Amino acid sequence: MGLRMDLKKEHNGLYCDFPGAYWCIEDIAMGKDGATDVMVHFFFSAYPSREAKQMAGETAELLPFGGVPSHFYEPILYRWEGLFRAVDIFPEGMPVTEEQQKEIMYPFVKQYLELTEAEDILEEE
C-alpha cells in the first residue's frame, strides 16, 4: 500500500511540482522506551512515482557524455519521521507481518497528519 498526493515545489529540494507523488511508509522499527512503552519508529517518504521508489539504489545510466552527481539513483524527495507508542497505533495489539502493520499505519498517518487529499494505492504483488 502507498498513497498518492501532490508534493509542491516549495517542499522539495528540486523545486519542481510533483503532482501525484508516491508516498510510503518504510523502515518500520520497534523498540522499548524505558521499562514499559514499546515504540514504533518509521519514515513516511515521498518519491516522484512508485517506479522511482523501486529504482532506489540502482546504478544510474549515463549519457554518452558527462556523468551524474551520484552513480546511484536517489529518488527520495521528502521524508517525515514518525515515533509513536505502539499502543497508540495498534490499540488492539500489534500485527506480526509488515503488510498487516501497514494496513493499520496508513490510516493512522493519514489521520494524524490530516492528509485529506491523499489517495490510497494498493500495491501489485
Protein backbone atom coordinates (compact mmCIF):
# COMPACT_ATOMS: atom_id res chain seq x y z
CA MET A 1 0.00 0.00 0.00
CA GLY A 2 1.02 3.56 -0.57
CA LEU A 3 -0.52 6.99 -1.02
CA ARG A 4 -0.75 9.35 -3.96
CA MET A 5 -0.56 13.00 -3.00
CA ASP A 6 0.84 16.14 -4.60
CA LEU A 7 4.21 17.48 -3.49
CA LYS A 8 4.64 21.17 -4.25
CA LYS A 9 7.92 22.62 -5.47
CA GLU A 10 8.32 24.67 -2.30
CA HIS A 11 8.51 21.44 -0.30
CA ASN A 12 11.32 19.55 -2.06
CA GLY A 13 14.95 20.10 -2.97
CA LEU A 14 14.41 20.03 -6.73
CA TYR A 15 11.94 22.94 -6.66
CA CYS A 16 9.62 21.12 -9.07
CA ASP A 17 5.96 20.26 -8.60
CA PHE A 18 5.27 16.53 -8.36
CA PRO A 19 1.54 16.02 -8.92
CA GLY A 20 0.55 12.57 -7.73
CA ALA A 21 3.82 11.86 -5.89
CA TYR A 22 4.09 8.40 -4.34
CA TRP A 23 4.19 8.40 -0.52
CA CYS A 24 5.01 5.30 1.50
CA ILE A 25 5.74 4.08 5.00
CA GLU A 26 9.15 2.43 5.20
CA ASP A 27 11.86 1.32 7.60
CA ILE A 28 9.49 0.30 10.40
CA ALA A 29 11.33 -0.48 13.63
CA MET A 30 10.13 -1.43 17.10
CA GLY A 31 11.92 -0.87 20.39
CA LYS A 32 11.42 -0.16 24.09
CA ASP A 33 11.37 3.26 25.70
CA GLY A 34 12.38 2.66 29.28
CA ALA A 35 10.76 -0.18 31.16
CA THR A 36 7.21 -0.01 29.82
CA ASP A 37 6.43 1.53 26.44
CA VAL A 38 7.04 -0.25 23.15
CA MET A 39 7.74 2.37 20.49
CA VAL A 40 7.22 2.29 16.72
CA HIS A 41 9.62 4.28 14.54
CA PHE A 42 9.17 4.70 10.78
CA PHE A 43 9.63 7.07 7.86
CA PHE A 44 6.85 8.45 5.67
CA SER A 45 8.63 9.25 2.40
CA ALA A 46 7.72 10.85 -0.92
CA TYR A 47 9.04 9.75 -4.33
CA PRO A 48 8.23 11.06 -7.82
CA SER A 49 6.45 7.75 -8.55
CA ARG A 50 6.15 4.17 -7.31
CA GLU A 51 8.56 3.10 -10.05
CA ALA A 52 11.11 5.67 -8.87
CA LYS A 53 10.94 4.23 -5.34
CA GLN A 54 11.58 0.75 -6.70
CA MET A 55 14.69 2.02 -8.53
CA ALA A 56 16.26 3.49 -5.36
CA GLY A 57 19.86 2.33 -5.00
CA GLU A 58 20.14 1.10 -8.60
CA THR A 59 23.03 2.32 -10.75
CA ALA A 60 22.08 5.32 -12.85
CA GLU A 61 22.58 5.01 -16.61
CA LEU A 62 24.90 7.58 -18.12
CA LEU A 63 24.53 9.58 -21.29
CA PRO A 64 27.37 9.29 -23.81
CA PHE A 65 28.84 12.44 -22.24
CA GLY A 66 29.36 13.66 -18.66
CA GLY A 67 28.01 11.99 -15.60
CA VAL A 68 25.50 12.22 -12.80
CA PRO A 69 26.36 13.73 -9.38
CA SER A 70 25.71 10.32 -7.80
CA HIS A 71 26.13 6.98 -9.55
CA PHE A 72 23.17 5.59 -7.62
CA TYR A 73 19.56 6.53 -8.16
CA GLU A 74 18.40 8.56 -5.13
CA PRO A 75 14.79 9.49 -5.88
CA ILE A 76 13.55 10.43 -2.39
CA LEU A 77 12.00 13.90 -2.38
CA TYR A 78 10.66 14.36 1.13
CA ARG A 79 10.70 12.45 4.41
CA TRP A 80 8.82 12.68 7.69
CA GLU A 81 9.91 10.67 10.72
CA GLY A 82 7.29 9.12 12.99
CA LEU A 83 7.82 7.90 16.55
CA PHE A 84 4.77 6.70 18.47
CA ARG A 85 3.87 4.38 21.29
CA ALA A 86 2.81 1.07 19.76
CA VAL A 87 -0.43 1.09 21.73
CA ASP A 88 -1.39 4.43 20.08
CA ILE A 89 -1.09 2.91 16.60
CA PHE A 90 -2.15 -0.64 17.43
CA PRO A 91 -4.71 -0.41 20.28
CA GLU A 92 -5.97 -3.95 19.54
CA GLY A 93 -2.47 -5.43 19.55
CA MET A 94 0.43 -5.31 17.11
CA PRO A 95 0.14 -7.44 13.96
CA VAL A 96 3.03 -9.76 13.17
CA THR A 97 3.58 -9.09 9.44
CA GLU A 98 4.71 -5.80 7.92
CA GLU A 99 1.77 -5.88 5.50
CA GLN A 100 -0.72 -6.14 8.37
CA GLN A 101 1.08 -3.36 10.26
CA LYS A 102 0.92 -1.05 7.25
CA GLU A 103 -2.82 -1.70 6.81
CA ILE A 104 -3.28 -0.04 10.19
CA MET A 105 -0.46 2.51 9.95
CA TYR A 106 -1.56 4.21 6.71
CA PRO A 107 -4.99 5.27 8.06
CA PHE A 108 -3.27 6.30 11.33
CA VAL A 109 -0.74 8.51 9.49
CA LYS A 110 -3.44 10.00 7.24
CA GLN A 111 -5.49 10.95 10.29
CA TYR A 112 -2.54 12.16 12.38
CA LEU A 113 -1.14 14.37 9.59
CA GLU A 114 -4.64 15.39 8.39
CA LEU A 115 -3.96 14.22 4.83
CA THR A 116 -7.46 14.70 3.46
CA GLU A 117 -6.26 14.82 -0.17
CA ALA A 118 -4.21 11.60 -0.05
CA GLU A 119 -5.44 8.75 -2.26
CA ASP A 120 -4.81 5.13 -1.26
CA ILE A 121 -2.82 3.00 -3.71
CA LEU A 122 -2.98 -0.76 -3.48
CA GLU A 123 0.30 -2.48 -4.27
CA GLU A 124 0.55 -5.05 -7.03
CA GLU A 125 2.42 -8.15 -5.92
